[in-house]
PDB file of N, CA and C in Angstrom:
ATOM      1  N   MET A   1       6.287  35.914   6.954  1.00  0.00           N
ATOM      2  CA  MET A   1       5.986  36.331   5.683  1.00  0.00           C
ATOM      3  C   MET A   1       4.969  35.879   4.667  1.00  0.00           C
ATOM      4  N   GLY A   2       4.539  34.792   5.358  1.00  0.00           N
ATOM      5  CA  GLY A   2       3.045  34.236   4.385  1.00  0.00           C
ATOM      6  C   GLY A   2       3.980  33.266   3.154  1.00  0.00           C
ATOM      7  N   GLY A   3       5.130  32.581   3.634  1.00  0.00           N
ATOM      8  CA  GLY A   3       5.427  31.693   2.304  1.00  0.00           C
ATOM      9  C   GLY A   3       4.624  30.497   2.106  1.00  0.00           C
ATOM     10  N   ARG A   4       4.768  29.997   1.026  1.00  0.00           N
ATOM     11  CA  ARG A   4       3.952  28.975   0.624  1.00  0.00           C
ATOM     12  C   ARG A   4       4.719  27.630   0.873  1.00  0.00           C
ATOM     13  N   ASP A   5       4.026  26.568   1.185  1.00  0.00           N
ATOM     14  CA  ASP A   5       4.399  25.452   1.284  1.00  0.00           C
ATOM     15  C   ASP A   5       4.699  24.619   0.058  1.00  0.00           C
ATOM     16  N   ALA A   6       5.913  23.919   0.071  1.00  0.00           N
ATOM     17  CA  ALA A   6       6.454  23.610  -1.179  1.00  0.00           C
ATOM     18  C   ALA A   6       5.613  22.423  -1.606  1.00  0.00           C
ATOM     19  N   GLU A   7       4.870  22.224  -2.984  1.00  0.00           N
ATOM     20  CA  GLU A   7       4.248  21.206  -3.446  1.00  0.00           C
ATOM     21  C   GLU A   7       4.742  19.678  -3.363  1.00  0.00           C
ATOM     22  N   PRO A   8       4.077  18.933  -2.642  1.00  0.00           N
ATOM     23  CA  PRO A   8       4.446  17.348  -2.628  1.00  0.00           C
ATOM     24  C   PRO A   8       4.877  16.882  -3.931  1.00  0.00           C
ATOM     25  N   GLY A   9       6.095  16.052  -3.533  1.00  0.00           N
ATOM     26  CA  GLY A   9       6.946  15.482  -4.998  1.00  0.00           C
ATOM     27  C   GLY A   9       5.802  14.323  -5.442  1.00  0.00           C
ATOM     28  N   PRO A  10       6.532  13.980  -6.742  1.00  0.00           N
ATOM     29  CA  PRO A  10       5.362  12.813  -7.293  1.00  0.00           C
ATOM     30  C   PRO A  10       5.849  11.453  -6.326  1.00  0.00           C
ATOM     31  N   THR A  11       6.359  11.499  -5.374  1.00  0.00           N
ATOM     32  CA  THR A  11       6.453  10.434  -4.485  1.00  0.00           C
ATOM     33  C   THR A  11       5.639  10.664  -3.031  1.00  0.00           C
ATOM     34  N   ALA A  12       5.278  11.560  -3.025  1.00  0.00           N
ATOM     35  CA  ALA A  12       4.422  11.770  -1.801  1.00  0.00           C
ATOM     36  C   ALA A  12       3.768  10.693  -1.258  1.00  0.00           C
ATOM     37  N   PRO A  13       2.836  10.315  -2.444  1.00  0.00           N
ATOM     38  CA  PRO A  13       1.638   9.471  -2.469  1.00  0.00           C
ATOM     39  C   PRO A  13       2.309   7.965  -1.885  1.00  0.00           C
ATOM     40  N   LEU A  14       3.369   7.797  -2.178  1.00  0.00           N
ATOM     41  CA  LEU A  14       4.161   6.682  -1.655  1.00  0.00           C
ATOM     42  C   LEU A  14       4.672   6.472  -0.551  1.00  0.00           C
ATOM     43  N   ASP A  15       5.159   7.396  -0.201  1.00  0.00           N
ATOM     44  CA  ASP A  15       5.434   7.907   0.909  1.00  0.00           C
ATOM     45  C   ASP A  15       4.409   7.488   2.165  1.00  0.00           C
ATOM     46  N   ARG A  16       2.903   8.132   1.934  1.00  0.00           N
ATOM     47  CA  ARG A  16       2.178   7.494   2.869  1.00  0.00           C
ATOM     48  C   ARG A  16       1.441   6.388   2.669  1.00  0.00           C
ATOM     49  N   LEU A  17       1.753   5.822   1.554  1.00  0.00           N
ATOM     50  CA  LEU A  17       1.681   4.290   1.332  1.00  0.00           C
ATOM     51  C   LEU A  17       2.453   3.453   2.255  1.00  0.00           C
ATOM     52  N   THR A  18       3.577   3.810   2.259  1.00  0.00           N
ATOM     53  CA  THR A  18       4.472   3.044   3.245  1.00  0.00           C
ATOM     54  C   THR A  18       4.137   3.150   4.514  1.00  0.00           C
ATOM     55  N   ALA A  19       3.781   4.247   5.059  1.00  0.00           N
ATOM     56  CA  ALA A  19       3.104   4.528   6.425  1.00  0.00           C
ATOM     57  C   ALA A  19       1.918   3.520   6.407  1.00  0.00           C
ATOM     58  N   MET A  20       0.990   3.356   5.602  1.00  0.00           N
ATOM     59  CA  MET A  20      -0.141   2.677   5.714  1.00  0.00           C
ATOM     60  C   MET A  20       0.332   1.170   5.859  1.00  0.00           C
ATOM     61  N   LEU A  21       1.437   0.953   5.020  1.00  0.00           N
ATOM     62  CA  LEU A  21       1.868  -0.659   5.199  1.00  0.00           C
ATOM     63  C   LEU A  21       2.717  -0.951   6.406  1.00  0.00           C
ATOM     64  N   ALA A  22       3.303  -0.204   6.707  1.00  0.00           N
ATOM     65  CA  ALA A  22       3.840  -0.322   8.164  1.00  0.00           C
ATOM     66  C   ALA A  22       2.896  -0.719   9.358  1.00  0.00           C
ATOM     67  N   THR A  23       1.657   0.131   9.235  1.00  0.00           N
ATOM     68  CA  THR A  23       0.474  -0.240  10.201  1.00  0.00           C
ATOM     69  C   THR A  23       0.249  -1.648   9.907  1.00  0.00           C
ATOM     70  N   VAL A  24      -0.154  -1.990   8.925  1.00  0.00           N
ATOM     71  CA  VAL A  24      -0.401  -3.402   8.299  1.00  0.00           C
ATOM     72  C   VAL A  24       0.520  -4.575   8.888  1.00  0.00           C
ATOM     73  N   VAL A  25       1.740  -4.050   8.457  1.00  0.00           N
ATOM     74  CA  VAL A  25       2.429  -4.718   9.107  1.00  0.00           C
ATOM     75  C   VAL A  25       2.525  -5.247  10.802  1.00  0.00           C
ATOM     76  N   THR A  26       2.182  -3.887  11.260  1.00  0.00           N
ATOM     77  CA  THR A  26       1.976  -4.512  13.223  1.00  0.00           C
ATOM     78  C   THR A  26       0.537  -4.890  13.119  1.00  0.00           C
ATOM     79  N   LEU A  27      -0.373  -4.747  12.434  1.00  0.00           N
ATOM     80  CA  LEU A  27      -1.677  -5.633  12.571  1.00  0.00           C
ATOM     81  C   LEU A  27      -1.256  -6.897  12.619  1.00  0.00           C
ATOM     82  N   LEU A  28      -0.643  -7.107  11.603  1.00  0.00           N
ATOM     83  CA  LEU A  28      -0.182  -8.788  11.187  1.00  0.00           C
ATOM     84  C   LEU A  28       0.582  -9.418  12.049  1.00  0.00           C
ATOM     85  N   GLN A  29       1.492  -8.982  12.574  1.00  0.00           N
ATOM     86  CA  GLN A  29       2.344  -9.469  13.714  1.00  0.00           C
ATOM     87  C   GLN A  29       1.876  -9.503  15.045  1.00  0.00           C
ATOM     88  N   GLN A  30       0.683  -8.860  15.056  1.00  0.00           N
ATOM     89  CA  GLN A  30      -0.191  -8.898  16.421  1.00  0.00           C
ATOM     90  C   GLN A  30      -1.034 -10.023  16.188  1.00  0.00           C
ATOM     91  N   ALA A  31      -1.445 -10.593  15.081  1.00  0.00           N
ATOM     92  CA  ALA A  31      -2.596 -11.713  14.925  1.00  0.00           C
ATOM     93  C   ALA A  31      -2.159 -12.631  15.137  1.00  0.00           C
ATOM     94  N   PRO A  32      -2.803 -13.660  15.578  1.00  0.00           N
ATOM     95  CA  PRO A  32      -2.516 -15.163  15.848  1.00  0.00           C
ATOM     96  C   PRO A  32      -2.358 -15.832  14.367  1.00  0.00           C
ATOM     97  N   GLY A  33      -1.883 -17.076  14.764  1.00  0.00           N
ATOM     98  CA  GLY A  33      -1.784 -18.320  13.858  1.00  0.00           C
ATOM     99  C   GLY A  33      -1.074 -17.915  12.621  1.00  0.00           C
ATOM    100  N   PRO A  34      -0.897 -19.084  11.867  1.00  0.00           N
ATOM    101  CA  PRO A  34       0.117 -18.938  10.723  1.00  0.00           C
ATOM    102  C   PRO A  34      -0.459 -18.291   9.739  1.00  0.00           C
ATOM    103  N   GLU A  35      -1.768 -17.799   9.399  1.00  0.00           N
ATOM    104  CA  GLU A  35      -2.375 -17.156   8.154  1.00  0.00           C
ATOM    105  C   GLU A  35      -1.607 -15.539   8.100  1.00  0.00           C
ATOM    106  N   SER A  36      -1.146 -15.035   9.345  1.00  0.00           N
ATOM    107  CA  SER A  36      -0.905 -13.575   9.273  1.00  0.00           C
ATOM    108  C   SER A  36       0.791 -13.950   8.877  1.00  0.00           C
ATOM    109  N   LYS A  37       1.257 -15.021   9.445  1.00  0.00           N
ATOM    110  CA  LYS A  37       2.666 -15.099   8.620  1.00  0.00           C
ATOM    111  C   LYS A  37       2.701 -14.867   7.296  1.00  0.00           C
ATOM    112  N   ARG A  38       1.774 -15.830   6.372  1.00  0.00           N
ATOM    113  CA  ARG A  38       1.455 -16.039   5.059  1.00  0.00           C
ATOM    114  C   ARG A  38       1.043 -14.625   4.670  1.00  0.00           C
ATOM    115  N   CYS A  39       0.435 -13.743   5.160  1.00  0.00           N
ATOM    116  CA  CYS A  39      -0.097 -12.332   4.841  1.00  0.00           C
ATOM    117  C   CYS A  39       1.359 -11.648   4.967  1.00  0.00           C
ATOM    118  N   LEU A  40       1.966 -11.685   5.922  1.00  0.00           N
ATOM    119  CA  LEU A  40       2.982 -10.814   6.128  1.00  0.00           C
ATOM    120  C   LEU A  40       4.382 -10.849   4.836  1.00  0.00           C
ATOM    121  N   ALA A  41       4.369 -12.124   4.113  1.00  0.00           N
ATOM    122  CA  ALA A  41       5.138 -12.391   2.836  1.00  0.00           C
ATOM    123  C   ALA A  41       4.440 -11.538   1.953  1.00  0.00           C
ATOM    124  N   VAL A  42       3.045 -11.651   1.804  1.00  0.00           N
ATOM    125  CA  VAL A  42       2.679 -11.001   1.193  1.00  0.00           C
ATOM    126  C   VAL A  42       2.787  -9.509   0.891  1.00  0.00           C
ATOM    127  N   ILE A  43       2.842  -8.907   2.079  1.00  0.00           N
ATOM    128  CA  ILE A  43       2.741  -7.332   2.412  1.00  0.00           C
ATOM    129  C   ILE A  43       4.284  -7.231   2.219  1.00  0.00           C
ATOM    130  N   ASP A  44       5.258  -7.898   2.673  1.00  0.00           N
ATOM    131  CA  ASP A  44       6.728  -7.833   2.506  1.00  0.00           C
ATOM    132  C   ASP A  44       6.678  -7.459   0.840  1.00  0.00           C
ATOM    133  N   ALA A  45       6.368  -8.250   0.067  1.00  0.00           N
ATOM    134  CA  ALA A  45       6.620  -7.994  -1.468  1.00  0.00           C
ATOM    135  C   ALA A  45       5.854  -6.729  -1.710  1.00  0.00           C
ATOM    136  N   SER A  46       4.686  -6.358  -1.378  1.00  0.00           N
ATOM    137  CA  SER A  46       4.318  -5.070  -1.811  1.00  0.00           C
ATOM    138  C   SER A  46       5.023  -3.748  -1.308  1.00  0.00           C
ATOM    139  N   VAL A  47       5.759  -3.876  -0.277  1.00  0.00           N
ATOM    140  CA  VAL A  47       6.884  -2.915   0.272  1.00  0.00           C
ATOM    141  C   VAL A  47       7.772  -3.041  -0.565  1.00  0.00           C
ATOM    142  N   MET A  48       8.139  -3.835  -0.936  1.00  0.00           N
ATOM    143  CA  MET A  48       9.221  -3.774  -1.992  1.00  0.00           C
ATOM    144  C   MET A  48       8.736  -3.218  -3.291  1.00  0.00           C
ATOM    145  N   ALA A  49       7.654  -3.521  -3.810  1.00  0.00           N
ATOM    146  CA  ALA A  49       7.015  -3.076  -5.196  1.00  0.00           C
ATOM    147  C   ALA A  49       6.922  -1.431  -5.226  1.00  0.00           C
ATOM    148  N   VAL A  50       6.690  -0.875  -3.677  1.00  0.00           N
ATOM    149  CA  VAL A  50       6.331   0.489  -3.245  1.00  0.00           C
ATOM    150  C   VAL A  50       7.961   1.177  -3.745  1.00  0.00           C
ATOM    151  N   GLY A  51       8.581   0.568  -3.195  1.00  0.00           N
ATOM    152  CA  GLY A  51      10.361   0.998  -3.500  1.00  0.00           C
ATOM    153  C   GLY A  51      10.582   1.029  -4.769  1.00  0.00           C
ATOM    154  N   ARG A  52       9.941   0.209  -5.681  1.00  0.00           N
ATOM    155  CA  ARG A  52      10.417  -0.004  -6.753  1.00  0.00           C
ATOM    156  C   ARG A  52       9.534   1.319  -7.672  1.00  0.00           C
ATOM    157  N   ALA A  53       8.166   1.446  -7.250  1.00  0.00           N
ATOM    158  CA  ALA A  53       7.661   2.745  -8.044  1.00  0.00           C
ATOM    159  C   ALA A  53       7.755   4.030  -7.709  1.00  0.00           C
ATOM    160  N   ALA A  54       8.684   3.973  -6.680  1.00  0.00           N
ATOM    161  CA  ALA A  54       9.149   5.068  -6.111  1.00  0.00           C
ATOM    162  C   ALA A  54      10.142   5.787  -7.028  1.00  0.00           C
ATOM    163  N   ALA A  55      11.102   4.728  -7.096  1.00  0.00           N
ATOM    164  CA  ALA A  55      12.464   4.839  -7.661  1.00  0.00           C
ATOM    165  C   ALA A  55      11.901   4.971  -9.372  1.00  0.00           C
ATOM    166  N   LYS A  56      10.794   4.604 -10.048  1.00  0.00           N
ATOM    167  CA  LYS A  56      10.694   4.886 -11.143  1.00  0.00           C
ATOM    168  C   LYS A  56      10.005   6.306 -11.237  1.00  0.00           C
ATOM    169  N   LEU A  57       9.310   7.006 -10.604  1.00  0.00           N
ATOM    170  CA  LEU A  57       8.927   8.218 -10.229  1.00  0.00           C
ATOM    171  C   LEU A  57       9.697   9.277 -10.158  1.00  0.00           C
ATOM    172  N   ALA A  58      10.763   8.878  -9.293  1.00  0.00           N
ATOM    173  CA  ALA A  58      11.843   9.726  -9.052  1.00  0.00           C
ATOM    174  C   ALA A  58      12.772  10.468 -10.214  1.00  0.00           C
ATOM    175  N   ALA A  59      12.767   8.750 -10.691  1.00  0.00           N
ATOM    176  CA  ALA A  59      13.767   9.154 -11.957  1.00  0.00           C
ATOM    177  C   ALA A  59      13.357   9.678 -13.443  1.00  0.00           C
ATOM    178  N   ARG A  60      12.098   9.988 -13.242  1.00  0.00           N
ATOM    179  CA  ARG A  60      11.528  10.695 -14.366  1.00  0.00           C
ATOM    180  C   ARG A  60      11.812  11.932 -14.672  1.00  0.00           C
ATOM    181  N   PRO A  61      12.140  12.474 -15.676  1.00  0.00           N
ATOM    182  CA  PRO A  61      12.796  13.956 -15.836  1.00  0.00           C
ATOM    183  C   PRO A  61      11.684  15.062 -15.819  1.00  0.00           C
ATOM    184  N   ALA A  62      10.256  14.712 -15.873  1.00  0.00           N
ATOM    185  CA  ALA A  62       9.249  15.448 -15.596  1.00  0.00           C
ATOM    186  C   ALA A  62       7.965  14.633 -14.725  1.00  0.00           C
ATOM    187  N   PRO A  63       7.659  15.652 -13.478  1.00  0.00           N
ATOM    188  CA  PRO A  63       6.643  14.889 -12.726  1.00  0.00           C
ATOM    189  C   PRO A  63       5.431  14.544 -13.687  1.00  0.00           C
ATOM    190  N   PRO A  64       4.604  13.658 -12.759  1.00  0.00           N
ATOM    191  CA  PRO A  64       3.632  13.165 -13.538  1.00  0.00           C
ATOM    192  C   PRO A  64       2.617  13.896 -13.554  1.00  0.00           C
ATOM    193  N   ASP A  65       1.200  13.954 -14.494  1.00  0.00           N
ATOM    194  CA  ASP A  65       0.137  14.946 -14.249  1.00  0.00           C
ATOM    195  C   ASP A  65      -0.289  14.752 -13.055  1.00  0.00           C
ATOM    196  N   PRO A  66      -0.558  15.721 -12.492  1.00  0.00           N
ATOM    197  CA  PRO A  66      -1.139  15.736 -10.906  1.00  0.00           C
ATOM    198  C   PRO A  66      -2.457  15.067 -10.841  1.00  0.00           C
ATOM    199  N   GLU A  67      -3.223  15.173 -11.714  1.00  0.00           N
ATOM    200  CA  GLU A  67      -4.741  14.576 -11.742  1.00  0.00           C
ATOM    201  C   GLU A  67      -4.594  12.897 -11.992  1.00  0.00           C
ATOM    202  N   ALA A  68      -4.063  12.514 -12.867  1.00  0.00           N
ATOM    203  CA  ALA A  68      -3.282  11.117 -13.071  1.00  0.00           C
ATOM    204  C   ALA A  68      -2.737  10.720 -11.686  1.00  0.00           C
ATOM    205  N   LEU A  69      -1.772  11.531 -10.863  1.00  0.00           N
ATOM    206  CA  LEU A  69      -1.279  10.928  -9.828  1.00  0.00           C
ATOM    207  C   LEU A  69      -1.986  10.760  -8.398  1.00  0.00           C
ATOM    208  N   SER A  70      -3.049  11.555  -8.532  1.00  0.00           N
ATOM    209  CA  SER A  70      -4.309  11.869  -7.886  1.00  0.00           C
ATOM    210  C   SER A  70      -5.000  10.573  -7.905  1.00  0.00           C
ATOM    211  N   ARG A  71      -5.520  10.222  -9.159  1.00  0.00           N
ATOM    212  CA  ARG A  71      -6.446   9.018  -9.401  1.00  0.00           C
ATOM    213  C   ARG A  71      -5.310   7.650  -8.863  1.00  0.00           C
ATOM    214  N   TRP A  72      -4.656   7.397  -9.232  1.00  0.00           N
ATOM    215  CA  TRP A  72      -3.662   6.295  -9.072  1.00  0.00           C
ATOM    216  C   TRP A  72      -3.320   6.081  -7.721  1.00  0.00           C
ATOM    217  N   HIS A  73      -3.086   7.455  -6.751  1.00  0.00           N
ATOM    218  CA  HIS A  73      -2.993   7.304  -5.299  1.00  0.00           C
ATOM    219  C   HIS A  73      -4.452   6.534  -4.734  1.00  0.00           C
ATOM    220  N   HIS A  74      -5.389   7.275  -5.118  1.00  0.00           N
ATOM    221  CA  HIS A  74      -6.993   6.775  -4.834  1.00  0.00           C
ATOM    222  C   HIS A  74      -6.741   5.374  -4.966  1.00  0.00           C
ATOM    223  N   ALA A  75      -6.844   4.785  -6.153  1.00  0.00           N
ATOM    224  CA  ALA A  75      -7.063   3.094  -6.573  1.00  0.00           C
ATOM    225  C   ALA A  75      -5.601   2.624  -5.389  1.00  0.00           C
ATOM    226  N   LEU A  76      -4.673   2.998  -5.323  1.00  0.00           N
ATOM    227  CA  LEU A  76      -3.671   2.461  -4.072  1.00  0.00           C
ATOM    228  C   LEU A  76      -4.114   2.659  -2.980  1.00  0.00           C
ATOM    229  N   ARG A  77      -4.853   3.418  -2.427  1.00  0.00           N
ATOM    230  CA  ARG A  77      -5.437   3.623  -1.340  1.00  0.00           C
ATOM    231  C   ARG A  77      -6.700   2.624  -1.044  1.00  0.00           C
ATOM    232  N   GLY A  78      -7.209   2.691  -1.856  1.00  0.00           N
ATOM    233  CA  GLY A  78      -8.439   1.765  -1.837  1.00  0.00           C
ATOM    234  C   GLY A  78      -7.945   0.034  -1.397  1.00  0.00           C
ATOM    235  N   SER A  79      -7.312  -0.160  -2.221  1.00  0.00           N
ATOM    236  CA  SER A  79      -6.623  -1.814  -2.058  1.00  0.00           C
ATOM    237  C   SER A  79      -6.052  -1.932  -1.043  1.00  0.00           C
ATOM    238  N   LEU A  80      -5.324  -0.827  -0.368  1.00  0.00           N
ATOM    239  CA  LEU A  80      -4.370  -0.631   0.805  1.00  0.00           C
ATOM    240  C   LEU A  80      -5.364  -0.547   2.086  1.00  0.00           C
ATOM    241  N   THR A  81      -6.623   0.023   2.050  1.00  0.00           N
ATOM    242  CA  THR A  81      -7.536   0.129   2.796  1.00  0.00           C
ATOM    243  C   THR A  81      -8.327  -1.356   3.292  1.00  0.00           C
ATOM    244  N   ALA A  82      -8.714  -1.772   1.793  1.00  0.00           N
ATOM    245  CA  ALA A  82      -9.304  -3.261   2.514  1.00  0.00           C
ATOM    246  C   ALA A  82      -8.140  -4.272   3.027  1.00  0.00           C
ATOM    247  N   ILE A  83      -6.863  -4.368   2.535  1.00  0.00           N
ATOM    248  CA  ILE A  83      -5.820  -4.992   3.102  1.00  0.00           C
ATOM    249  C   ILE A  83      -5.927  -4.589   4.727  1.00  0.00           C
ATOM    250  N   ALA A  84      -5.840  -3.448   5.045  1.00  0.00           N
ATOM    251  CA  ALA A  84      -5.573  -2.884   6.504  1.00  0.00           C
ATOM    252  C   ALA A  84      -6.949  -3.412   7.227  1.00  0.00           C
ATOM    253  N   GLY A  85      -7.976  -3.431   6.798  1.00  0.00           N
ATOM    254  CA  GLY A  85      -9.197  -4.074   7.131  1.00  0.00           C
ATOM    255  C   GLY A  85      -9.247  -5.690   7.601  1.00  0.00           C
ATOM    256  N   TRP A  86      -9.045  -6.034   6.329  1.00  0.00           N
ATOM    257  CA  TRP A  86      -8.936  -7.657   6.452  1.00  0.00           C
ATOM    258  C   TRP A  86      -7.695  -7.853   7.728  1.00  0.00           C
ATOM    259  N   ALA A  87      -6.670  -7.201   7.911  1.00  0.00           N
ATOM    260  CA  ALA A  87      -5.789  -7.443   8.615  1.00  0.00           C
ATOM    261  C   ALA A  87      -5.876  -7.449  10.259  1.00  0.00           C
ATOM    262  N   GLN A  88      -7.048  -6.316  10.115  1.00  0.00           N
ATOM    263  CA  GLN A  88      -7.385  -6.015  11.530  1.00  0.00           C
ATOM    264  C   GLN A  88      -8.581  -7.193  11.758  1.00  0.00           C
ATOM    265  N   MET A  89      -9.077  -7.845  11.063  1.00  0.00           N
ATOM    266  CA  MET A  89     -10.360  -8.808  11.189  1.00  0.00           C
ATOM    267  C   MET A  89      -9.599  -9.903  11.723  1.00  0.00           C
ATOM    268  N   LEU A  90      -8.319 -10.049  11.054  1.00  0.00           N
ATOM    269  CA  LEU A  90      -7.607 -11.418  11.440  1.00  0.00           C
ATOM    270  C   LEU A  90      -7.291 -11.154  12.570  1.00  0.00           C
ATOM    271  N   GLY A  91      -6.746 -10.211  13.320  1.00  0.00           N
ATOM    272  CA  GLY A  91      -6.394 -10.283  14.796  1.00  0.00           C
ATOM    273  C   GLY A  91      -7.651 -10.203  15.647  1.00  0.00           C
ATOM    274  N   VAL A  92      -8.902  -9.902  15.224  1.00  0.00           N
ATOM    275  CA  VAL A  92      -9.913  -9.537  16.213  1.00  0.00           C
ATOM    276  C   VAL A  92     -10.246 -10.950  15.838  1.00  0.00           C
ATOM    277  N   GLN A  93     -10.770 -11.621  14.649  1.00  0.00           N
ATOM    278  CA  GLN A  93     -12.024 -12.722  14.574  1.00  0.00           C
ATOM    279  C   GLN A  93     -11.130 -13.779  13.774  1.00  0.00           C
ATOM    280  N   PRO A  94     -10.006 -14.646  14.411  1.00  0.00           N
ATOM    281  CA  PRO A  94      -9.237 -15.645  13.978  1.00  0.00           C
ATOM    282  C   PRO A  94     -10.040 -16.727  13.270  1.00  0.00           C
ATOM    283  N   GLU A  95     -11.332 -16.659  13.341  1.00  0.00           N
ATOM    284  CA  GLU A  95     -12.609 -17.630  12.629  1.00  0.00           C
ATOM    285  C   GLU A  95     -12.662 -17.481  11.461  1.00  0.00           C
ATOM    286  N   SER A  96     -12.554 -16.176  10.864  1.00  0.00           N
ATOM    287  CA  SER A  96     -12.505 -15.380   9.573  1.00  0.00           C
ATOM    288  C   SER A  96     -11.262 -15.582   8.947  1.00  0.00           C
ATOM    289  N   ALA A  97     -10.195 -16.372   9.254  1.00  0.00           N
ATOM    290  CA  ALA A  97      -8.769 -15.981   8.716  1.00  0.00           C
ATOM    291  C   ALA A  97      -8.527 -16.358   7.162  1.00  0.00           C
ATOM    292  N   GLY A  98      -9.644 -17.778   6.988  1.00  0.00           N
ATOM    293  CA  GLY A  98      -9.708 -17.605   5.456  1.00  0.00           C
ATOM    294  C   GLY A  98     -10.143 -16.929   4.651  1.00  0.00           C
ATOM    295  N   ARG A  99     -11.060 -16.191   4.644  1.00  0.00           N
ATOM    296  CA  ARG A  99     -11.625 -15.084   4.058  1.00  0.00           C
ATOM    297  C   ARG A  99     -10.673 -13.899   4.183  1.00  0.00           C
ATOM    298  N   ALA A 100     -10.103 -13.646   4.913  1.00  0.00           N
ATOM    299  CA  ALA A 100      -9.171 -12.464   5.309  1.00  0.00           C
ATOM    300  C   ALA A 100      -7.764 -12.825   4.569  1.00  0.00           C
ATOM    301  N   VAL A 101      -7.330 -13.812   4.412  1.00  0.00           N
ATOM    302  CA  VAL A 101      -6.150 -14.257   3.893  1.00  0.00           C
ATOM    303  C   VAL A 101      -6.440 -14.032   2.338  1.00  0.00           C
ATOM    304  N   GLU A 102      -7.383 -14.614   1.790  1.00  0.00           N
ATOM    305  CA  GLU A 102      -8.054 -14.571   0.795  1.00  0.00           C
ATOM    306  C   GLU A 102      -8.027 -13.087  -0.187  1.00  0.00           C
ATOM    307  N   ALA A 103      -8.855 -11.952   0.864  1.00  0.00           N
ATOM    308  CA  ALA A 103      -8.433 -10.613   0.730  1.00  0.00           C
ATOM    309  C   ALA A 103      -7.676 -10.229   0.838  1.00  0.00           C
ATOM    310  N   ILE A 104      -6.810 -10.568   1.581  1.00  0.00           N
ATOM    311  CA  ILE A 104      -5.417  -9.578   1.744  1.00  0.00           C
ATOM    312  C   ILE A 104      -4.520  -9.811   0.563  1.00  0.00           C
ATOM    313  N   GLU A 105      -4.533 -11.593   0.071  1.00  0.00           N
ATOM    314  CA  GLU A 105      -3.636 -11.661  -1.213  1.00  0.00           C
ATOM    315  C   GLU A 105      -4.587 -10.874  -2.323  1.00  0.00           C
ATOM    316  N   ARG A 106      -5.821 -10.807  -2.592  1.00  0.00           N
ATOM    317  CA  ARG A 106      -6.373 -10.648  -3.823  1.00  0.00           C
ATOM    318  C   ARG A 106      -5.954  -8.834  -3.679  1.00  0.00           C
ATOM    319  N   ASN A 107      -6.425  -8.243  -2.964  1.00  0.00           N
ATOM    320  CA  ASN A 107      -5.822  -6.744  -2.835  1.00  0.00           C
ATOM    321  C   ASN A 107      -4.591  -6.623  -2.950  1.00  0.00           C
ATOM    322  N   ALA A 108      -3.936  -7.127  -2.420  1.00  0.00           N
ATOM    323  CA  ALA A 108      -1.937  -7.272  -2.697  1.00  0.00           C
ATOM    324  C   ALA A 108      -1.785  -7.066  -3.957  1.00  0.00           C
ATOM    325  N   ALA A 109      -2.485  -7.954  -4.614  1.00  0.00           N
ATOM    326  CA  ALA A 109      -1.890  -8.576  -6.033  1.00  0.00           C
ATOM    327  C   ALA A 109      -2.585  -7.024  -7.077  1.00  0.00           C
ATOM    328  N   THR A 110      -3.518  -6.711  -6.731  1.00  0.00           N
ATOM    329  CA  THR A 110      -4.020  -5.614  -7.080  1.00  0.00           C
ATOM    330  C   THR A 110      -3.031  -4.213  -6.856  1.00  0.00           C
ATOM    331  N   LEU A 111      -3.127  -4.380  -5.697  1.00  0.00           N
ATOM    332  CA  LEU A 111      -2.098  -2.950  -5.236  1.00  0.00           C
ATOM    333  C   LEU A 111      -0.602  -3.353  -6.105  1.00  0.00           C
ATOM    334  N   MET A 112      -0.061  -4.392  -6.094  1.00  0.00           N
ATOM    335  CA  MET A 112       1.245  -4.306  -6.810  1.00  0.00           C
ATOM    336  C   MET A 112       1.172  -4.360  -8.457  1.00  0.00           C
ATOM    337  N   GLU A 113       0.042  -4.619  -8.786  1.00  0.00           N
ATOM    338  CA  GLU A 113      -0.404  -4.307 -10.294  1.00  0.00           C
ATOM    339  C   GLU A 113      -0.253  -2.938 -10.595  1.00  0.00           C
ATOM    340  N   LEU A 114      -1.303  -2.085  -9.482  1.00  0.00           N
ATOM    341  CA  LEU A 114      -0.733  -0.661  -9.751  1.00  0.00           C
ATOM    342  C   LEU A 114       0.179   0.177  -9.567  1.00  0.00           C
ATOM    343  N   LEU A 115       0.976  -0.509  -8.814  1.00  0.00           N
ATOM    344  CA  LEU A 115       2.372   0.006  -8.432  1.00  0.00           C
ATOM    345  C   LEU A 115       3.526  -0.451  -9.390  1.00  0.00           C
ATOM    346  N   GLU A 116       3.380  -1.200 -10.530  1.00  0.00           N
ATOM    347  CA  GLU A 116       4.066  -1.803 -11.582  1.00  0.00           C
ATOM    348  C   GLU A 116       3.946  -0.498 -12.785  1.00  0.00           C
ATOM    349  N   LEU A 117       2.459   0.195 -12.576  1.00  0.00           N
ATOM    350  CA  LEU A 117       2.339   1.013 -13.622  1.00  0.00           C
ATOM    351  C   LEU A 117       1.922   2.481 -13.118  1.00  0.00           C
ATOM    352  N   PRO A 118       3.265   3.158 -12.854  1.00  0.00           N
ATOM    353  CA  PRO A 118       2.850   4.481 -12.016  1.00  0.00           C
ATOM    354  C   PRO A 118       2.774   5.450 -13.383  1.00  0.00           C
ATOM    355  N   PRO A 119       1.731   6.541 -12.902  1.00  0.00           N
ATOM    356  CA  PRO A 119       1.192   7.493 -13.800  1.00  0.00           C
ATOM    357  C   PRO A 119       1.998   8.372 -14.635  1.00  0.00           C
ATOM    358  N   ASP A 120       1.558   8.475 -15.911  1.00  0.00           N
ATOM    359  CA  ASP A 120       2.772   9.727 -16.482  1.00  0.00           C
ATOM    360  C   ASP A 120       2.277  10.651 -16.407  1.00  0.00           C
TER     361      ASP A 120
END
């Protein structure tokens, strides 16, 4: 019958973000050293922030502007991609752990700031 797929809801970007965070957690769990544990704590806080942002978006009476939602999701993905890259580096090149931890913490802070301000 050629039915159309339903439009993704406003929390769809956060569902994808949660999946990416799960990948980061796996990478960090496989990385040696105490630095990975420190990063895991930061990522756990990010996962909780995703949950809060999803609740805020779901509670809104009207969905956010699709263009604003797209820009917000793009910014979230940018920070998370950097986190994933550094998490992978932490497992492959333990000698760059200091730089990796710094970059993961910096990008996680940006991610959390973005999550506190879902688009209108």
